[in-house]
Amino acid sequence: MLQPKSTRERYHYGFWLQFYLYNDLKDLAKRTNDKALASVIDKAYLQSKWELIK
């Protein structure tokens, strides 16, 4: 994953990385029962603006 062979692979790996990060962060919000964080995570994932999470 660190050295993709094509542009297609690069975008493919990026998509899955974002997806797995999203799922891990949503699980964290669920375990801590933090609905505000879950909302911010959804917004960051759907808008591809991960800087919203601080």
PDB file of N, CA and C in Angstrom:
ATOM      1  N   MET A   1       0.807  -1.198   0.000  1.00  0.00           N
ATOM      2  CA  MET A   1       0.000   0.000   0.000  1.00  0.00           C
ATOM      3  C   MET A   1       0.854   1.268   0.000  1.00  0.00           C
ATOM      4  N   LEU A   2       2.069   1.166   0.480  1.00  0.00           N
ATOM      5  CA  LEU A   2       2.909   2.354   0.546  1.00  0.00           C
ATOM      6  C   LEU A   2       3.449   2.763  -0.812  1.00  0.00           C
ATOM      7  N   GLN A   3       3.519   1.828  -1.748  1.00  0.00           N
ATOM      8  CA  GLN A   3       4.043   2.138  -3.071  1.00  0.00           C
ATOM      9  C   GLN A   3       3.091   1.604  -4.150  1.00  0.00           C
ATOM     10  N   PRO A   4       2.006   2.322  -4.387  1.00  0.00           N
ATOM     11  CA  PRO A   4       1.055   1.862  -5.411  1.00  0.00           C
ATOM     12  C   PRO A   4       1.691   1.904  -6.794  1.00  0.00           C
ATOM     13  N   LYS A   5       1.287   0.959  -7.635  1.00  0.00           N
ATOM     14  CA  LYS A   5       1.884   0.846  -8.968  1.00  0.00           C
ATOM     15  C   LYS A   5       1.199   1.729  -9.992  1.00  0.00           C
ATOM     16  N   SER A   6       0.035   2.237  -9.672  1.00  0.00           N
ATOM     17  CA  SER A   6      -0.679   3.081 -10.631  1.00  0.00           C
ATOM     18  C   SER A   6      -1.518   4.112  -9.883  1.00  0.00           C
ATOM     19  N   THR A   7      -2.020   5.077 -10.632  1.00  0.00           N
ATOM     20  CA  THR A   7      -2.891   6.089 -10.040  1.00  0.00           C
ATOM     21  C   THR A   7      -4.174   5.445  -9.528  1.00  0.00           C
ATOM     22  N   ARG A   8      -4.683   4.473 -10.259  1.00  0.00           N
ATOM     23  CA  ARG A   8      -5.900   3.774  -9.846  1.00  0.00           C
ATOM     24  C   ARG A   8      -5.698   3.095  -8.491  1.00  0.00           C
ATOM     25  N   GLU A   9      -4.569   2.417  -8.313  1.00  0.00           N
ATOM     26  CA  GLU A   9      -4.278   1.774  -7.039  1.00  0.00           C
ATOM     27  C   GLU A   9      -4.183   2.799  -5.919  1.00  0.00           C
ATOM     28  N   ARG A  10      -3.581   3.928  -6.218  1.00  0.00           N
ATOM     29  CA  ARG A  10      -3.433   4.981  -5.212  1.00  0.00           C
ATOM     30  C   ARG A  10      -4.799   5.437  -4.695  1.00  0.00           C
ATOM     31  N   TYR A  11      -5.729   5.698  -5.603  1.00  0.00           N
ATOM     32  CA  TYR A  11      -7.059   6.123  -5.201  1.00  0.00           C
ATOM     33  C   TYR A  11      -7.828   4.993  -4.525  1.00  0.00           C
ATOM     34  N   HIS A  12      -7.633   3.784  -4.985  1.00  0.00           N
ATOM     35  CA  HIS A  12      -8.288   2.625  -4.386  1.00  0.00           C
ATOM     36  C   HIS A  12      -7.852   2.467  -2.924  1.00  0.00           C
ATOM     37  N   TYR A  13      -6.536   2.522  -2.689  1.00  0.00           N
ATOM     38  CA  TYR A  13      -6.018   2.402  -1.331  1.00  0.00           C
ATOM     39  C   TYR A  13      -6.497   3.562  -0.450  1.00  0.00           C
ATOM     40  N   GLY A  14      -6.542   4.757  -1.015  1.00  0.00           N
ATOM     41  CA  GLY A  14      -7.013   5.914  -0.259  1.00  0.00           C
ATOM     42  C   GLY A  14      -8.464   5.780   0.154  1.00  0.00           C
ATOM     43  N   PHE A  15      -9.284   5.254  -0.741  1.00  0.00           N
ATOM     44  CA  PHE A  15     -10.699   5.051  -0.427  1.00  0.00           C
ATOM     45  C   PHE A  15     -10.848   4.108   0.757  1.00  0.00           C
ATOM     46  N   TRP A  16     -10.158   2.971   0.718  1.00  0.00           N
ATOM     47  CA  TRP A  16     -10.287   1.994   1.792  1.00  0.00           C
ATOM     48  C   TRP A  16      -9.689   2.499   3.089  1.00  0.00           C
ATOM     49  N   LEU A  17      -8.612   3.255   3.018  1.00  0.00           N
ATOM     50  CA  LEU A  17      -8.024   3.812   4.227  1.00  0.00           C
ATOM     51  C   LEU A  17      -9.022   4.741   4.910  1.00  0.00           C
ATOM     52  N   GLN A  18      -9.654   5.634   4.143  1.00  0.00           N
ATOM     53  CA  GLN A  18     -10.666   6.528   4.710  1.00  0.00           C
ATOM     54  C   GLN A  18     -11.819   5.739   5.311  1.00  0.00           C
ATOM     55  N   PHE A  19     -12.258   4.696   4.634  1.00  0.00           N
ATOM     56  CA  PHE A  19     -13.373   3.885   5.099  1.00  0.00           C
ATOM     57  C   PHE A  19     -13.045   3.212   6.435  1.00  0.00           C
ATOM     58  N   TYR A  20     -11.852   2.627   6.544  1.00  0.00           N
ATOM     59  CA  TYR A  20     -11.471   1.962   7.785  1.00  0.00           C
ATOM     60  C   TYR A  20     -11.269   2.961   8.922  1.00  0.00           C
ATOM     61  N   LEU A  21     -10.701   4.115   8.639  1.00  0.00           N
ATOM     62  CA  LEU A  21     -10.564   5.150   9.664  1.00  0.00           C
ATOM     63  C   LEU A  21     -11.937   5.602  10.153  1.00  0.00           C
ATOM     64  N   TYR A  22     -12.851   5.795   9.228  1.00  0.00           N
ATOM     65  CA  TYR A  22     -14.210   6.200   9.582  1.00  0.00           C
ATOM     66  C   TYR A  22     -14.849   5.172  10.517  1.00  0.00           C
ATOM     67  N   ASN A  23     -14.754   3.906  10.167  1.00  0.00           N
ATOM     68  CA  ASN A  23     -15.356   2.865  10.994  1.00  0.00           C
ATOM     69  C   ASN A  23     -14.714   2.797  12.377  1.00  0.00           C
ATOM     70  N   ASP A  24     -13.405   2.937  12.450  1.00  0.00           N
ATOM     71  CA  ASP A  24     -12.723   2.911  13.743  1.00  0.00           C
ATOM     72  C   ASP A  24     -13.134   4.103  14.612  1.00  0.00           C
ATOM     73  N   LEU A  25     -13.222   5.282  14.017  1.00  0.00           N
ATOM     74  CA  LEU A  25     -13.621   6.466  14.777  1.00  0.00           C
ATOM     75  C   LEU A  25     -15.081   6.385  15.221  1.00  0.00           C
ATOM     76  N   LYS A  26     -15.951   5.851  14.361  1.00  0.00           N
ATOM     77  CA  LYS A  26     -17.355   5.690  14.741  1.00  0.00           C
ATOM     78  C   LYS A  26     -17.485   4.701  15.896  1.00  0.00           C
ATOM     79  N   ASP A  27     -16.671   3.650  15.892  1.00  0.00           N
ATOM     80  CA  ASP A  27     -16.682   2.684  16.981  1.00  0.00           C
ATOM     81  C   ASP A  27     -16.229   3.343  18.284  1.00  0.00           C
ATOM     82  N   LEU A  28     -15.212   4.193  18.193  1.00  0.00           N
ATOM     83  CA  LEU A  28     -14.744   4.921  19.375  1.00  0.00           C
ATOM     84  C   LEU A  28     -15.852   5.812  19.931  1.00  0.00           C
ATOM     85  N   ALA A  29     -16.536   6.532  19.068  1.00  0.00           N
ATOM     86  CA  ALA A  29     -17.623   7.405  19.508  1.00  0.00           C
ATOM     87  C   ALA A  29     -18.750   6.591  20.134  1.00  0.00           C
ATOM     88  N   LYS A  30     -19.012   5.425  19.575  1.00  0.00           N
ATOM     89  CA  LYS A  30     -20.075   4.562  20.114  1.00  0.00           C
ATOM     90  C   LYS A  30     -19.693   4.032  21.493  1.00  0.00           C
ATOM     91  N   ARG A  31     -18.429   3.597  21.644  1.00  0.00           N
ATOM     92  CA  ARG A  31     -17.981   3.053  22.931  1.00  0.00           C
ATOM     93  C   ARG A  31     -17.959   4.109  24.021  1.00  0.00           C
ATOM     94  N   THR A  32     -17.658   5.365  23.656  1.00  0.00           N
ATOM     95  CA  THR A  32     -17.619   6.440  24.642  1.00  0.00           C
ATOM     96  C   THR A  32     -18.967   7.146  24.766  1.00  0.00           C
ATOM     97  N   ASN A  33     -19.938   6.710  23.966  1.00  0.00           N
ATOM     98  CA  ASN A  33     -21.292   7.264  23.976  1.00  0.00           C
ATOM     99  C   ASN A  33     -21.275   8.777  23.729  1.00  0.00           C
ATOM    100  N   ASP A  34     -20.491   9.192  22.746  1.00  0.00           N
ATOM    101  CA  ASP A  34     -20.317  10.604  22.400  1.00  0.00           C
ATOM    102  C   ASP A  34     -21.027  10.893  21.074  1.00  0.00           C
ATOM    103  N   LYS A  35     -22.271  11.344  21.163  1.00  0.00           N
ATOM    104  CA  LYS A  35     -23.074  11.590  19.960  1.00  0.00           C
ATOM    105  C   LYS A  35     -22.570  12.792  19.170  1.00  0.00           C
ATOM    106  N   ALA A  36     -22.007  13.778  19.843  1.00  0.00           N
ATOM    107  CA  ALA A  36     -21.467  14.954  19.148  1.00  0.00           C
ATOM    108  C   ALA A  36     -20.266  14.556  18.295  1.00  0.00           C
ATOM    109  N   LEU A  37     -19.404  13.720  18.846  1.00  0.00           N
ATOM    110  CA  LEU A  37     -18.243  13.246  18.089  1.00  0.00           C
ATOM    111  C   LEU A  37     -18.688  12.407  16.899  1.00  0.00           C
ATOM    112  N   ALA A  38     -19.689  11.572  17.081  1.00  0.00           N
ATOM    113  CA  ALA A  38     -20.195  10.745  15.980  1.00  0.00           C
ATOM    114  C   ALA A  38     -20.716  11.625  14.848  1.00  0.00           C
ATOM    115  N   SER A  39     -21.374  12.709  15.192  1.00  0.00           N
ATOM    116  CA  SER A  39     -21.887  13.626  14.179  1.00  0.00           C
ATOM    117  C   SER A  39     -20.747  14.294  13.409  1.00  0.00           C
ATOM    118  N   VAL A  40     -19.715  14.715  14.116  1.00  0.00           N
ATOM    119  CA  VAL A  40     -18.563  15.349  13.474  1.00  0.00           C
ATOM    120  C   VAL A  40     -17.837  14.346  12.574  1.00  0.00           C
ATOM    121  N   ILE A  41     -17.726  13.108  13.019  1.00  0.00           N
ATOM    122  CA  ILE A  41     -17.072  12.068  12.226  1.00  0.00           C
ATOM    123  C   ILE A  41     -17.840  11.829  10.926  1.00  0.00           C
ATOM    124  N   ASP A  42     -19.162  11.758  11.013  1.00  0.00           N
ATOM    125  CA  ASP A  42     -19.985  11.584   9.804  1.00  0.00           C
ATOM    126  C   ASP A  42     -19.766  12.731   8.827  1.00  0.00           C
ATOM    127  N   LYS A  43     -19.779  13.944   9.351  1.00  0.00           N
ATOM    128  CA  LYS A  43     -19.610  15.118   8.503  1.00  0.00           C
ATOM    129  C   LYS A  43     -18.212  15.122   7.856  1.00  0.00           C
ATOM    130  N   ALA A  44     -17.191  14.798   8.642  1.00  0.00           N
ATOM    131  CA  ALA A  44     -15.828  14.781   8.115  1.00  0.00           C
ATOM    132  C   ALA A  44     -15.675  13.726   7.023  1.00  0.00           C
ATOM    133  N   TYR A  45     -16.260  12.563   7.230  1.00  0.00           N
ATOM    134  CA  TYR A  45     -16.145  11.484   6.241  1.00  0.00           C
ATOM    135  C   TYR A  45     -16.899  11.824   4.957  1.00  0.00           C
ATOM    136  N   LEU A  46     -18.118  12.284   5.085  1.00  0.00           N
ATOM    137  CA  LEU A  46     -18.936  12.552   3.906  1.00  0.00           C
ATOM    138  C   LEU A  46     -18.431  13.742   3.100  1.00  0.00           C
ATOM    139  N   GLN A  47     -17.804  14.710   3.755  1.00  0.00           N
ATOM    140  CA  GLN A  47     -17.283  15.877   3.048  1.00  0.00           C
ATOM    141  C   GLN A  47     -15.793  15.740   2.728  1.00  0.00           C
ATOM    142  N   SER A  48     -15.185  14.648   3.160  1.00  0.00           N
ATOM    143  CA  SER A  48     -13.735  14.428   3.005  1.00  0.00           C
ATOM    144  C   SER A  48     -12.935  15.587   3.582  1.00  0.00           C
ATOM    145  N   LYS A  49     -13.367  16.062   4.732  1.00  0.00           N
ATOM    146  CA  LYS A  49     -12.671  17.137   5.441  1.00  0.00           C
ATOM    147  C   LYS A  49     -12.288  16.620   6.830  1.00  0.00           C
ATOM    148  N   TRP A  50     -11.246  15.808   6.873  1.00  0.00           N
ATOM    149  CA  TRP A  50     -10.844  15.184   8.117  1.00  0.00           C
ATOM    150  C   TRP A  50     -10.312  16.189   9.129  1.00  0.00           C
ATOM    151  N   GLU A  51      -9.977  17.385   8.668  1.00  0.00           N
ATOM    152  CA  GLU A  51      -9.483  18.401   9.604  1.00  0.00           C
ATOM    153  C   GLU A  51     -10.583  18.874  10.559  1.00  0.00           C
ATOM    154  N   LEU A  52     -11.834  18.525  10.319  1.00  0.00           N
ATOM    155  CA  LEU A  52     -12.925  18.879  11.226  1.00  0.00           C
ATOM    156  C   LEU A  52     -12.792  18.162  12.575  1.00  0.00           C
ATOM    157  N   ILE A  53     -12.101  17.047  12.567  1.00  0.00           N
ATOM    158  CA  ILE A  53     -11.913  16.265  13.801  1.00  0.00           C
ATOM    159  C   ILE A  53     -10.638  16.742  14.476  1.00  0.00           C
ATOM    160  N   LYS A  54     -10.787  17.275  15.657  1.00  0.00           N
ATOM    161  CA  LYS A  54      -9.618  17.777  16.398  1.00  0.00           C
ATOM    162  C   LYS A  54      -9.637  17.287  17.798  1.00  0.00           C
TER     163      LYS A  54
END
